[in-house]
Amino acid sequence: MAVTHVISFVWRGTWFVGSWAFLIIRDVVGRLFGRDPYTQCKELQMREDDSTKEIDTLRMKIDDLEEENENLRNKIDDFYKRSAHMMEKSGSQENTNDELSNTRLADRFDVALKEQWLQLCETLANTFNEIQYLTHLSEVMQSVFKHCTQKVEETEKHLLQIAKYANADHKKVRLNLRVLRKPLGQKQSTRHCVVQDIVAKAKEDDRVNDLLTEHTLPDVTIKTIATFMNDLADICWLMCIANPPLKLNFDLKGVDFKSVSDRFVEFASTGDVKYSDGKPGAVYLVAWPSVEHEDNSGFLKKGEVIVC
């Protein structure tokens, strides 16, 4: 038993001394070779600091590049805006970002407004035959467009008279006038007043007044026609003050359809000698006008005609 205690004491003592010896040797050797915990921690901290500085430097470079990129984007946007304004001012090309550009006005006329026209055709078919209601609607559209063009001419009349006295170039004066008038005429407050005036004048025209008062049309139909006239007047006004201006072409009665088939399609034929007051193949009525440049240099949307 005593021997066992002696052996246990010797073993524990040896282990204790050996452990401390190992720790001391590890600490001394670690210091000699720079691998002690303190040194390692310090080196890691230095590396971390260096990495942080590097990251900060890269972030600053990224911020500088982003700022430079933003400046370049702004310059490009400014260039495109100035280019679009110059093209629009010259009238040679349009700004495709403009919600009221000629292309978009023509689309609005040929899609949304045409849908209203087709619904009116169905409604008026309860009172008139096809030729009759198409004639009535064509006369309504011609009246509204006529008063739009007259409204525009009123805004030019006095200035062009002054330009005449000054021997100024009328074309240049009209161009400058269009450039100035367009943004003013496109304002919603302006359009509201102009549309009211145009529709009121159109309703006074004999043929339009006859449609609205002499055929005992239901009130709902009268309101539908009034809505159509208001929307039509708005589009026509915007077309007339555009740069270059647009027009609705109705002036084809009696013209050989084949000569205008590039701008018009045949909606129907008269089919009745009562309405065939022209030569066979001639245009009897423009049921739906084409959208064209005022100077006849081209068209944006085809129209539809009734042929004899």
C-alpha atoms as a PDB file:
ATOM      1  CA  MET A   1       0.000   0.000   0.000  1.00  0.00           C
ATOM      2  CA  ALA A   2       2.830   2.415   0.918  1.00  0.00           C
ATOM      3  CA  VAL A   3       4.604   1.473  -2.285  1.00  0.00           C
ATOM      4  CA  THR A   4       1.443   2.396  -4.252  1.00  0.00           C
ATOM      5  CA  HIS A   5       1.283   5.835  -2.603  1.00  0.00           C
ATOM      6  CA  VAL A   6       4.943   6.434  -3.340  1.00  0.00           C
ATOM      7  CA  ILE A   7       4.519   5.483  -7.016  1.00  0.00           C
ATOM      8  CA  SER A   8       1.401   7.715  -7.336  1.00  0.00           C
ATOM      9  CA  PHE A   9       3.225  10.646  -5.748  1.00  0.00           C
ATOM     10  CA  VAL A  10       6.214  10.213  -8.023  1.00  0.00           C
ATOM     11  CA  TRP A  11       3.981   9.974 -11.122  1.00  0.00           C
ATOM     12  CA  ARG A  12       1.946  13.067 -10.250  1.00  0.00           C
ATOM     13  CA  GLY A  13       5.040  15.043  -9.447  1.00  0.00           C
ATOM     14  CA  THR A  14       6.673  14.049 -12.717  1.00  0.00           C
ATOM     15  CA  TRP A  15       3.528  15.046 -14.687  1.00  0.00           C
ATOM     16  CA  PHE A  16       3.300  18.387 -12.861  1.00  0.00           C
ATOM     17  CA  VAL A  17       6.918  19.244 -13.437  1.00  0.00           C
ATOM     18  CA  GLY A  18       6.736  18.077 -17.075  1.00  0.00           C
ATOM     19  CA  SER A  19       3.668  20.161 -17.811  1.00  0.00           C
ATOM     20  CA  TRP A  20       5.248  23.309 -16.463  1.00  0.00           C
ATOM     21  CA  ALA A  21       8.446  22.569 -18.299  1.00  0.00           C
ATOM     22  CA  PHE A  22       6.489  22.188 -21.551  1.00  0.00           C
ATOM     23  CA  LEU A  23       4.667  25.461 -21.040  1.00  0.00           C
ATOM     24  CA  ILE A  24       7.900  27.289 -20.222  1.00  0.00           C
ATOM     25  CA  ILE A  25       9.693  25.793 -23.248  1.00  0.00           C
ATOM     26  CA  ARG A  26       6.755  26.593 -25.534  1.00  0.00           C
ATOM     27  CA  ASP A  27       6.648  30.163 -24.313  1.00  0.00           C
ATOM     28  CA  VAL A  28      10.406  30.677 -24.688  1.00  0.00           C
ATOM     29  CA  VAL A  29      10.633  28.967 -28.079  1.00  0.00           C
ATOM     30  CA  GLY A  30       7.476  30.799 -29.275  1.00  0.00           C
ATOM     31  CA  ARG A  31       9.020  34.142 -28.347  1.00  0.00           C
ATOM     32  CA  LEU A  32      12.251  33.207 -30.112  1.00  0.00           C
ATOM     33  CA  PHE A  33      10.446  32.310 -33.352  1.00  0.00           C
ATOM     34  CA  GLY A  34       7.767  35.050 -33.102  1.00  0.00           C
ATOM     35  CA  ARG A  35       4.823  32.703 -32.723  1.00  0.00           C
ATOM     36  CA  ASP A  36       3.731  33.541 -29.242  1.00  0.00           C
ATOM     37  CA  PRO A  37       0.036  34.527 -28.876  1.00  0.00           C
ATOM     38  CA  TYR A  38       0.769  38.189 -28.235  1.00  0.00           C
ATOM     39  CA  THR A  39       2.919  38.544 -31.334  1.00  0.00           C
ATOM     40  CA  GLN A  40       0.426  36.617 -33.441  1.00  0.00           C
ATOM     41  CA  CYS A  41      -2.412  38.779 -32.195  1.00  0.00           C
ATOM     42  CA  LYS A  42      -0.437  41.934 -32.922  1.00  0.00           C
ATOM     43  CA  GLU A  43       0.437  40.766 -36.430  1.00  0.00           C
ATOM     44  CA  LEU A  44      -3.187  39.876 -37.130  1.00  0.00           C
ATOM     45  CA  GLN A  45      -4.300  43.268 -35.864  1.00  0.00           C
ATOM     46  CA  MET A  46      -1.798  44.969 -38.177  1.00  0.00           C
ATOM     47  CA  ARG A  47      -3.019  42.899 -41.105  1.00  0.00           C
ATOM     48  CA  GLU A  48      -6.588  43.764 -40.254  1.00  0.00           C
ATOM     49  CA  ASP A  49      -5.718  47.460 -40.100  1.00  0.00           C
ATOM     50  CA  ASP A  50      -3.958  47.235 -43.480  1.00  0.00           C
ATOM     51  CA  SER A  51      -6.956  45.437 -44.999  1.00  0.00           C
ATOM     52  CA  THR A  52      -9.332  48.035 -43.571  1.00  0.00           C
ATOM     53  CA  LYS A  53      -7.259  50.832 -45.086  1.00  0.00           C
ATOM     54  CA  GLU A  54      -7.216  49.015 -48.423  1.00  0.00           C
ATOM     55  CA  ILE A  55     -10.992  48.554 -48.326  1.00  0.00           C
ATOM     56  CA  ASP A  56     -11.506  52.215 -47.457  1.00  0.00           C
ATOM     57  CA  THR A  57      -9.266  53.210 -50.369  1.00  0.00           C
ATOM     58  CA  LEU A  58     -11.229  50.965 -52.754  1.00  0.00           C
ATOM     59  CA  ARG A  59     -14.515  52.350 -51.471  1.00  0.00           C
ATOM     60  CA  MET A  60     -13.300  55.884 -52.114  1.00  0.00           C
ATOM     61  CA  LYS A  61     -12.311  54.887 -55.655  1.00  0.00           C
ATOM     62  CA  ILE A  62     -15.720  53.279 -56.191  1.00  0.00           C
ATOM     63  CA  ASP A  63     -17.473  56.419 -54.920  1.00  0.00           C
ATOM     64  CA  ASP A  64     -15.364  58.546 -57.264  1.00  0.00           C
ATOM     65  CA  LEU A  65     -16.188  56.266 -60.202  1.00  0.00           C
ATOM     66  CA  GLU A  66     -19.906  56.305 -59.372  1.00  0.00           C
ATOM     67  CA  GLU A  67     -19.870  60.098 -59.175  1.00  0.00           C
ATOM     68  CA  GLU A  68     -18.023  60.300 -62.482  1.00  0.00           C
ATOM     69  CA  ASN A  69     -20.493  57.858 -64.034  1.00  0.00           C
ATOM     70  CA  GLU A  70     -23.444  59.909 -62.755  1.00  0.00           C
ATOM     71  CA  ASN A  71     -21.921  63.073 -64.212  1.00  0.00           C
ATOM     72  CA  LEU A  72     -21.462  61.357 -67.563  1.00  0.00           C
ATOM     73  CA  ARG A  73     -25.081  60.129 -67.471  1.00  0.00           C
ATOM     74  CA  ASN A  74     -26.304  63.645 -66.761  1.00  0.00           C
ATOM     75  CA  LYS A  75     -24.220  65.028 -69.624  1.00  0.00           C
ATOM     76  CA  ILE A  76     -25.575  62.387 -72.008  1.00  0.00           C
ATOM     77  CA  ASP A  77     -29.171  63.061 -70.874  1.00  0.00           C
ATOM     78  CA  ASP A  78     -28.607  66.788 -71.316  1.00  0.00           C
ATOM     79  CA  PHE A  79     -27.144  66.184 -74.776  1.00  0.00           C
ATOM     80  CA  TYR A  80     -30.160  64.099 -75.832  1.00  0.00           C
ATOM     81  CA  LYS A  81     -32.588  66.678 -74.446  1.00  0.00           C
ATOM     82  CA  ARG A  82     -30.857  69.517 -76.283  1.00  0.00           C
ATOM     83  CA  SER A  83     -30.684  67.439 -79.465  1.00  0.00           C
ATOM     84  CA  ALA A  84     -34.362  66.525 -79.181  1.00  0.00           C
ATOM     85  CA  HIS A  85     -35.261  70.181 -78.606  1.00  0.00           C
ATOM     86  CA  MET A  86     -33.226  71.277 -81.637  1.00  0.00           C
ATOM     87  CA  MET A  87     -34.797  68.594 -83.841  1.00  0.00           C
ATOM     88  CA  GLU A  88     -38.255  69.458 -82.594  1.00  0.00           C
ATOM     89  CA  LYS A  89     -37.645  73.176 -83.095  1.00  0.00           C
ATOM     90  CA  SER A  90     -36.512  72.600 -86.655  1.00  0.00           C
ATOM     91  CA  GLY A  91     -39.588  70.472 -87.328  1.00  0.00           C
ATOM     92  CA  SER A  92     -37.481  67.904 -89.177  1.00  0.00           C
ATOM     93  CA  GLN A  93     -37.708  65.213 -86.499  1.00  0.00           C
ATOM     94  CA  GLU A  94     -39.780  64.690 -83.376  1.00  0.00           C
ATOM     95  CA  ASN A  95     -39.011  63.984 -79.763  1.00  0.00           C
ATOM     96  CA  THR A  96     -40.201  60.402 -79.282  1.00  0.00           C
ATOM     97  CA  ASN A  97     -40.305  60.885 -75.508  1.00  0.00           C
ATOM     98  CA  ASP A  98     -42.983  63.561 -75.913  1.00  0.00           C
ATOM     99  CA  GLU A  99     -46.433  62.240 -74.959  1.00  0.00           C
ATOM    100  CA  LEU A 100     -47.907  64.785 -77.378  1.00  0.00           C
ATOM    101  CA  SER A 101     -45.581  64.058 -80.292  1.00  0.00           C
ATOM    102  CA  ASN A 102     -47.119  63.783 -83.763  1.00  0.00           C
ATOM    103  CA  THR A 103     -46.739  60.007 -83.807  1.00  0.00           C
ATOM    104  CA  ARG A 104     -48.551  59.611 -80.498  1.00  0.00           C
ATOM    105  CA  LEU A 105     -51.276  62.054 -81.487  1.00  0.00           C
ATOM    106  CA  ALA A 106     -51.850  60.096 -84.691  1.00  0.00           C
ATOM    107  CA  ASP A 107     -52.005  56.854 -82.681  1.00  0.00           C
ATOM    108  CA  ARG A 108     -54.496  58.386 -80.263  1.00  0.00           C
ATOM    109  CA  PHE A 109     -56.649  59.564 -83.165  1.00  0.00           C
ATOM    110  CA  ASP A 110     -56.544  56.232 -84.972  1.00  0.00           C
ATOM    111  CA  VAL A 111     -57.101  54.006 -81.926  1.00  0.00           C
ATOM    112  CA  ALA A 112     -58.951  55.561 -78.980  1.00  0.00           C
ATOM    113  CA  LEU A 113     -60.975  58.104 -80.972  1.00  0.00           C
ATOM    114  CA  LYS A 114     -61.722  55.619 -83.738  1.00  0.00           C
ATOM    115  CA  GLU A 115     -63.161  53.247 -81.170  1.00  0.00           C
ATOM    116  CA  GLN A 116     -65.592  56.004 -80.134  1.00  0.00           C
ATOM    117  CA  TRP A 117     -66.427  56.582 -83.799  1.00  0.00           C
ATOM    118  CA  LEU A 118     -67.189  52.898 -84.360  1.00  0.00           C
ATOM    119  CA  GLN A 119     -69.468  52.839 -81.319  1.00  0.00           C
ATOM    120  CA  LEU A 120     -71.266  55.920 -82.639  1.00  0.00           C
ATOM    121  CA  CYS A 121     -71.699  54.209 -86.005  1.00  0.00           C
ATOM    122  CA  GLU A 122     -73.456  51.314 -84.276  1.00  0.00           C
ATOM    123  CA  THR A 123     -75.647  53.677 -82.265  1.00  0.00           C
ATOM    124  CA  LEU A 124     -76.658  55.846 -85.234  1.00  0.00           C
ATOM    125  CA  ALA A 125     -77.401  52.752 -87.312  1.00  0.00           C
ATOM    126  CA  ASN A 126     -80.670  52.569 -85.336  1.00  0.00           C
ATOM    127  CA  THR A 127     -81.766  55.867 -86.922  1.00  0.00           C
ATOM    128  CA  PHE A 128     -79.938  56.153 -90.262  1.00  0.00           C
ATOM    129  CA  ASN A 129     -78.698  53.871 -93.028  1.00  0.00           C
ATOM    130  CA  GLU A 130     -74.951  53.393 -93.419  1.00  0.00           C
ATOM    131  CA  ILE A 131     -74.333  56.143 -95.965  1.00  0.00           C
ATOM    132  CA  GLN A 132     -76.380  58.601 -93.932  1.00  0.00           C
ATOM    133  CA  TYR A 133     -74.731  58.101 -90.553  1.00  0.00           C
ATOM    134  CA  LEU A 134     -71.237  58.012 -92.087  1.00  0.00           C
ATOM    135  CA  THR A 135     -72.021  61.287 -93.846  1.00  0.00           C
ATOM    136  CA  HIS A 136     -73.288  62.871 -90.626  1.00  0.00           C
ATOM    137  CA  LEU A 137     -70.182  61.830 -88.675  1.00  0.00           C
ATOM    138  CA  SER A 138     -67.873  62.955 -91.470  1.00  0.00           C
ATOM    139  CA  GLU A 139     -69.537  66.374 -91.424  1.00  0.00           C
ATOM    140  CA  VAL A 140     -69.133  66.581 -87.648  1.00  0.00           C
ATOM    141  CA  MET A 141     -65.408  65.810 -87.929  1.00  0.00           C
ATOM    142  CA  GLN A 142     -64.913  68.259 -90.802  1.00  0.00           C
ATOM    143  CA  SER A 143     -66.625  71.008 -88.820  1.00  0.00           C
ATOM    144  CA  VAL A 144     -64.511  70.450 -85.698  1.00  0.00           C
ATOM    145  CA  PHE A 145     -61.277  70.346 -87.698  1.00  0.00           C
ATOM    146  CA  LYS A 146     -62.252  73.470 -89.661  1.00  0.00           C
ATOM    147  CA  HIS A 147     -62.770  75.484 -86.487  1.00  0.00           C
ATOM    148  CA  CYS A 148     -59.456  74.201 -85.081  1.00  0.00           C
ATOM    149  CA  THR A 149     -57.556  75.440 -88.116  1.00  0.00           C
ATOM    150  CA  GLN A 150     -59.376  78.777 -87.959  1.00  0.00           C
ATOM    151  CA  LYS A 151     -58.439  79.111 -84.292  1.00  0.00           C
ATOM    152  CA  VAL A 152     -54.789  78.582 -85.149  1.00  0.00           C
ATOM    153  CA  GLU A 153     -54.963  81.063 -88.028  1.00  0.00           C
ATOM    154  CA  GLU A 154     -56.387  83.645 -85.624  1.00  0.00           C
ATOM    155  CA  THR A 155     -53.302  83.322 -83.422  1.00  0.00           C
ATOM    156  CA  GLU A 156     -51.047  83.919 -86.437  1.00  0.00           C
ATOM    157  CA  LYS A 157     -52.994  86.574 -88.332  1.00  0.00           C
ATOM    158  CA  HIS A 158     -51.829  89.760 -86.602  1.00  0.00           C
ATOM    159  CA  LEU A 159     -48.208  88.710 -86.180  1.00  0.00           C
ATOM    160  CA  LEU A 160     -47.943  87.684 -89.836  1.00  0.00           C
ATOM    161  CA  GLN A 161     -49.422  91.051 -90.799  1.00  0.00           C
ATOM    162  CA  ILE A 162     -46.686  92.777 -88.795  1.00  0.00           C
ATOM    163  CA  ALA A 163     -44.101  90.493 -90.423  1.00  0.00           C
ATOM    164  CA  LYS A 164     -45.455  91.558 -93.815  1.00  0.00           C
ATOM    165  CA  TYR A 165     -44.976  95.222 -92.936  1.00  0.00           C
ATOM    166  CA  ALA A 166     -41.434  94.451 -91.809  1.00  0.00           C
ATOM    167  CA  ASN A 167     -40.675  92.452 -94.979  1.00  0.00           C
ATOM    168  CA  ALA A 168     -39.812  89.463 -92.768  1.00  0.00           C
ATOM    169  CA  ASP A 169     -39.687  85.873 -93.985  1.00  0.00           C
ATOM    170  CA  HIS A 170     -43.162  84.422 -93.340  1.00  0.00           C
ATOM    171  CA  LYS A 171     -41.852  80.869 -93.101  1.00  0.00           C
ATOM    172  CA  LYS A 172     -39.362  81.787 -90.395  1.00  0.00           C
ATOM    173  CA  VAL A 173     -41.957  83.820 -88.537  1.00  0.00           C
ATOM    174  CA  ARG A 174     -44.442  80.930 -88.631  1.00  0.00           C
ATOM    175  CA  LEU A 175     -41.787  78.488 -87.457  1.00  0.00           C
ATOM    176  CA  ASN A 176     -40.846  80.704 -84.512  1.00  0.00           C
ATOM    177  CA  LEU A 177     -44.502  81.215 -83.726  1.00  0.00           C
ATOM    178  CA  ARG A 178     -45.162  77.457 -83.716  1.00  0.00           C
ATOM    179  CA  VAL A 179     -42.212  76.857 -81.399  1.00  0.00           C
ATOM    180  CA  LEU A 180     -43.565  79.442 -78.945  1.00  0.00           C
ATOM    181  CA  ARG A 181     -47.237  78.497 -79.288  1.00  0.00           C
ATOM    182  CA  LYS A 182     -46.870  74.739 -78.907  1.00  0.00           C
ATOM    183  CA  PRO A 183     -45.986  74.519 -75.167  1.00  0.00           C
ATOM    184  CA  LEU A 184     -48.564  77.210 -74.332  1.00  0.00           C
ATOM    185  CA  GLY A 185     -51.271  75.536 -76.394  1.00  0.00           C
ATOM    186  CA  GLN A 186     -50.539  72.128 -74.854  1.00  0.00           C
ATOM    187  CA  LYS A 187     -51.289  73.295 -71.311  1.00  0.00           C
ATOM    188  CA  GLN A 188     -54.417  71.638 -69.947  1.00  0.00           C
ATOM    189  CA  SER A 189     -56.016  74.983 -69.030  1.00  0.00           C
ATOM    190  CA  THR A 190     -55.503  76.248 -72.598  1.00  0.00           C
ATOM    191  CA  ARG A 191     -56.857  73.074 -74.151  1.00  0.00           C
ATOM    192  CA  HIS A 192     -59.950  73.153 -71.953  1.00  0.00           C
ATOM    193  CA  CYS A 193     -60.880  76.690 -73.028  1.00  0.00           C
ATOM    194  CA  VAL A 194     -60.031  76.133 -76.701  1.00  0.00           C
ATOM    195  CA  VAL A 195     -61.987  72.860 -76.920  1.00  0.00           C
ATOM    196  CA  GLN A 196     -65.083  74.471 -75.414  1.00  0.00           C
ATOM    197  CA  ASP A 197     -64.911  77.303 -77.936  1.00  0.00           C
ATOM    198  CA  ILE A 198     -64.326  75.006 -80.923  1.00  0.00           C
ATOM    199  CA  VAL A 199     -67.144  72.596 -80.032  1.00  0.00           C
ATOM    200  CA  ALA A 200     -69.561  75.462 -79.417  1.00  0.00           C
ATOM    201  CA  LYS A 201     -68.814  76.892 -82.874  1.00  0.00           C
ATOM    202  CA  ALA A 202     -69.060  73.462 -84.524  1.00  0.00           C
ATOM    203  CA  LYS A 203     -72.501  72.897 -82.990  1.00  0.00           C
ATOM    204  CA  GLU A 204     -73.687  76.120 -84.636  1.00  0.00           C
ATOM    205  CA  ASP A 205     -72.835  74.814 -88.116  1.00  0.00           C
ATOM    206  CA  ASP A 206     -76.019  73.948 -89.993  1.00  0.00           C
ATOM    207  CA  ARG A 207     -75.281  70.291 -90.689  1.00  0.00           C
ATOM    208  CA  VAL A 208     -74.065  69.545 -87.172  1.00  0.00           C
ATOM    209  CA  ASN A 209     -76.986  71.432 -85.649  1.00  0.00           C
ATOM    210  CA  ASP A 210     -79.332  69.472 -87.917  1.00  0.00           C
ATOM    211  CA  LEU A 211     -77.943  66.150 -86.635  1.00  0.00           C
ATOM    212  CA  LEU A 212     -78.277  67.193 -83.005  1.00  0.00           C
ATOM    213  CA  THR A 213     -81.739  68.799 -83.170  1.00  0.00           C
ATOM    214  CA  GLU A 214     -83.756  67.531 -86.120  1.00  0.00           C
ATOM    215  CA  HIS A 215     -83.730  63.752 -85.733  1.00  0.00           C
ATOM    216  CA  THR A 216     -85.094  63.226 -82.199  1.00  0.00           C
ATOM    217  CA  LEU A 217     -82.015  61.306 -81.147  1.00  0.00           C
ATOM    218  CA  PRO A 218     -82.038  59.915 -77.584  1.00  0.00           C
ATOM    219  CA  ASP A 219     -80.351  62.109 -74.959  1.00  0.00           C
ATOM    220  CA  VAL A 220     -77.698  59.474 -74.355  1.00  0.00           C
ATOM    221  CA  THR A 221     -76.790  59.536 -78.055  1.00  0.00           C
ATOM    222  CA  ILE A 222     -76.562  63.342 -78.014  1.00  0.00           C
ATOM    223  CA  LYS A 223     -74.196  63.126 -75.022  1.00  0.00           C
ATOM    224  CA  THR A 224     -72.113  60.478 -76.793  1.00  0.00           C
ATOM    225  CA  ILE A 225     -71.770  62.721 -79.860  1.00  0.00           C
ATOM    226  CA  ALA A 226     -70.810  65.666 -77.612  1.00  0.00           C
ATOM    227  CA  THR A 227     -68.110  63.575 -75.910  1.00  0.00           C
ATOM    228  CA  PHE A 228     -66.781  62.498 -79.296  1.00  0.00           C
ATOM    229  CA  MET A 229     -66.666  66.125 -80.475  1.00  0.00           C
ATOM    230  CA  ASN A 230     -64.791  67.230 -77.334  1.00  0.00           C
ATOM    231  CA  ASP A 231     -62.175  64.486 -77.652  1.00  0.00           C
ATOM    232  CA  LEU A 232     -61.850  65.141 -81.384  1.00  0.00           C
ATOM    233  CA  ALA A 233     -61.414  68.899 -80.822  1.00  0.00           C
ATOM    234  CA  ASP A 234     -58.660  68.262 -78.271  1.00  0.00           C
ATOM    235  CA  ILE A 235     -56.702  66.045 -80.675  1.00  0.00           C
ATOM    236  CA  CYS A 236     -57.286  68.360 -83.649  1.00  0.00           C
ATOM    237  CA  TRP A 237     -56.060  71.384 -81.673  1.00  0.00           C
ATOM    238  CA  LEU A 238     -52.891  69.549 -80.642  1.00  0.00           C
ATOM    239  CA  MET A 239     -52.329  68.460 -84.247  1.00  0.00           C
ATOM    240  CA  CYS A 240     -52.804  71.989 -85.578  1.00  0.00           C
ATOM    241  CA  ILE A 241     -50.307  73.541 -83.128  1.00  0.00           C
ATOM    242  CA  ALA A 242     -47.751  70.765 -83.601  1.00  0.00           C
ATOM    243  CA  ASN A 243     -44.378  71.345 -85.241  1.00  0.00           C
ATOM    244  CA  PRO A 244     -44.698  70.391 -88.046  1.00  0.00           C
ATOM    245  CA  PRO A 245     -48.500  70.759 -88.048  1.00  0.00           C
ATOM    246  CA  LEU A 246     -50.768  67.854 -88.945  1.00  0.00           C
ATOM    247  CA  LYS A 247     -54.084  67.850 -90.750  1.00  0.00           C
ATOM    248  CA  LEU A 248     -57.067  65.578 -91.326  1.00  0.00           C
ATOM    249  CA  ASN A 249     -57.594  65.067 -95.043  1.00  0.00           C
ATOM    250  CA  PHE A 250     -61.225  65.129 -96.189  1.00  0.00           C
ATOM    251  CA  ASP A 251     -60.683  66.735 -99.615  1.00  0.00           C
ATOM    252  CA  LEU A 252     -61.064  63.724-101.881  1.00  0.00           C
ATOM    253  CA  LYS A 253     -64.642  63.783-103.167  1.00  0.00           C
ATOM    254  CA  GLY A 254     -64.666  62.816-106.849  1.00  0.00           C
ATOM    255  CA  VAL A 255     -61.004  61.775-106.864  1.00  0.00           C
ATOM    256  CA  ASP A 256     -60.142  58.407-108.439  1.00  0.00           C
ATOM    257  CA  PHE A 257     -59.681  56.020-105.501  1.00  0.00           C
ATOM    258  CA  LYS A 258     -56.730  54.283-107.154  1.00  0.00           C
ATOM    259  CA  SER A 259     -54.751  57.525-107.087  1.00  0.00           C
ATOM    260  CA  VAL A 260     -55.047  57.752-103.276  1.00  0.00           C
ATOM    261  CA  SER A 261     -55.029  54.070-102.355  1.00  0.00           C
ATOM    262  CA  ASP A 262     -51.635  54.509-100.688  1.00  0.00           C
ATOM    263  CA  ARG A 263     -53.251  56.767 -98.043  1.00  0.00           C
ATOM    264  CA  PHE A 264     -56.808  55.417 -97.922  1.00  0.00           C
ATOM    265  CA  VAL A 265     -58.596  52.087 -97.842  1.00  0.00           C
ATOM    266  CA  GLU A 266     -62.076  51.382 -99.122  1.00  0.00           C
ATOM    267  CA  PHE A 267     -64.506  51.292 -96.197  1.00  0.00           C
ATOM    268  CA  ALA A 268     -67.506  50.513 -98.390  1.00  0.00           C
ATOM    269  CA  SER A 269     -69.049  51.192-101.774  1.00  0.00           C
ATOM    270  CA  THR A 270     -72.251  53.199-102.203  1.00  0.00           C
ATOM    271  CA  GLY A 271     -74.080  50.204-103.648  1.00  0.00           C
ATOM    272  CA  ASP A 272     -76.999  52.464-104.467  1.00  0.00           C
ATOM    273  CA  VAL A 273     -77.305  54.649-107.556  1.00  0.00           C
ATOM    274  CA  LYS A 274     -79.036  57.229-105.358  1.00  0.00           C
ATOM    275  CA  TYR A 275     -75.678  58.085-103.743  1.00  0.00           C
ATOM    276  CA  SER A 276     -73.429  57.365-106.729  1.00  0.00           C
ATOM    277  CA  ASP A 277     -73.166  60.947-107.940  1.00  0.00           C
ATOM    278  CA  GLY A 278     -69.662  60.459-109.303  1.00  0.00           C
ATOM    279  CA  LYS A 279     -67.833  58.273-111.768  1.00  0.00           C
ATOM    280  CA  PRO A 280     -67.413  54.585-110.878  1.00  0.00           C
ATOM    281  CA  GLY A 281     -64.290  54.151-108.783  1.00  0.00           C
ATOM    282  CA  ALA A 282     -64.321  57.751-107.550  1.00  0.00           C
ATOM    283  CA  VAL A 283     -64.357  58.686-103.886  1.00  0.00           C
ATOM    284  CA  TYR A 284     -67.878  59.501-102.732  1.00  0.00           C
ATOM    285  CA  LEU A 285     -67.134  60.274 -99.067  1.00  0.00           C
ATOM    286  CA  VAL A 286     -64.218  60.305 -96.632  1.00  0.00           C
ATOM    287  CA  ALA A 287     -65.708  58.300 -93.793  1.00  0.00           C
ATOM    288  CA  TRP A 288     -62.533  58.444 -91.693  1.00  0.00           C
ATOM    289  CA  PRO A 289     -59.797  60.947 -92.637  1.00  0.00           C
ATOM    290  CA  SER A 290     -56.119  60.218 -93.018  1.00  0.00           C
ATOM    291  CA  VAL A 291     -53.640  61.988 -90.721  1.00  0.00           C
ATOM    292  CA  GLU A 292     -51.151  63.889 -92.864  1.00  0.00           C
ATOM    293  CA  HIS A 293     -48.504  66.591 -92.631  1.00  0.00           C
ATOM    294  CA  GLU A 294     -49.962  70.011 -93.323  1.00  0.00           C
ATOM    295  CA  ASP A 295     -47.500  70.569 -96.179  1.00  0.00           C
ATOM    296  CA  ASN A 296     -48.549  67.266 -97.857  1.00  0.00           C
ATOM    297  CA  SER A 297     -45.050  65.842 -97.365  1.00  0.00           C
ATOM    298  CA  GLY A 298     -46.346  62.557 -95.971  1.00  0.00           C
ATOM    299  CA  PHE A 299     -48.980  60.819 -93.883  1.00  0.00           C
ATOM    300  CA  LEU A 300     -49.022  59.081 -90.506  1.00  0.00           C
ATOM    301  CA  LYS A 301     -52.305  57.149 -90.604  1.00  0.00           C
ATOM    302  CA  LYS A 302     -54.464  55.906 -93.446  1.00  0.00           C
ATOM    303  CA  GLY A 303     -58.060  57.001 -93.854  1.00  0.00           C
ATOM    304  CA  GLU A 304     -61.168  55.167 -95.031  1.00  0.00           C
ATOM    305  CA  VAL A 305     -63.442  56.156 -97.898  1.00  0.00           C
ATOM    306  CA  ILE A 306     -66.680  55.165 -99.557  1.00  0.00           C
ATOM    307  CA  VAL A 307     -66.231  54.577-103.266  1.00  0.00           C
ATOM    308  CA  CYS A 308     -68.846  55.079-106.001  1.00  0.00           C
END
